[in-house]
Each structure stands twice: as structure tokens, then as C-alpha cells.
């Protein structure tokens, strides 16, 4: 029975042969076959295969078992679609503020006439 990682590899490679996968990933065929048979793919192997097939290496590490979905979620790796408009707006404002030089008249308190308050 194949584990989740091998099933994922079959899915992303659209059922390619082990030989084709090994060649595309740049892994020697004998090494690939041994790891496939014994289910001994390392995190490095997972990343290599993912990159060879244009997939996200983080996805590969979850499928391979190095990372859990909770670890990825807690690390802050989220698609932009998951953020609310408020979160996106706050981040945009933070970046603008970080990069913009703030004139004194925006950072100093003013009285009702538009003049700086005297201390």
C-alpha cells in the first residue's frame, strides 16, 4: 500500500513512471526506486520532486510528513484569498507608513485652526 506522499507524487506527475519522475527530478533511478520501494523519501527529495513538477515545496513537505498542516498554518503561509479586506487594508497601510516620510504636520498635534499646538 502506498503512503500519502507516493500517492501525491503519482497525482502531480499524472501517473508518470518512476523512471520519468526520477529523470525529471534529477534523482538517480536506482536511488529513486529504492526510496519509492521502501517509502524512504527525505524532505530534500520531496522538495526536489515538487520543484521538478512546478508544485509548492511546502505542499510536498506536508505530504511527505516533515511538516503538519497546523505547522504550515501557524507559520503564516496563507493564500491571499484567505485574508479579510480589513487585514489586507491594515497591511497596505503598514507598508505605506513604513516607506513614507511623514511630514511634521502629520505627526504633530494641531489645534482647531490647523496650526501646531504649543506646549
Foldseek 3Di string as FASTA:
>chain_A
DFAQLVVVLCVLVVNDDLVVLCVLLVHPSVVSVVCRVVVPDDLVNQQSSCVSSVHDSVVSCCSSPVDPPVVCVVVPDDDPVPDDPVVVVVVVVVVCVVPDDDDPLVVADPDPVSHGDDD
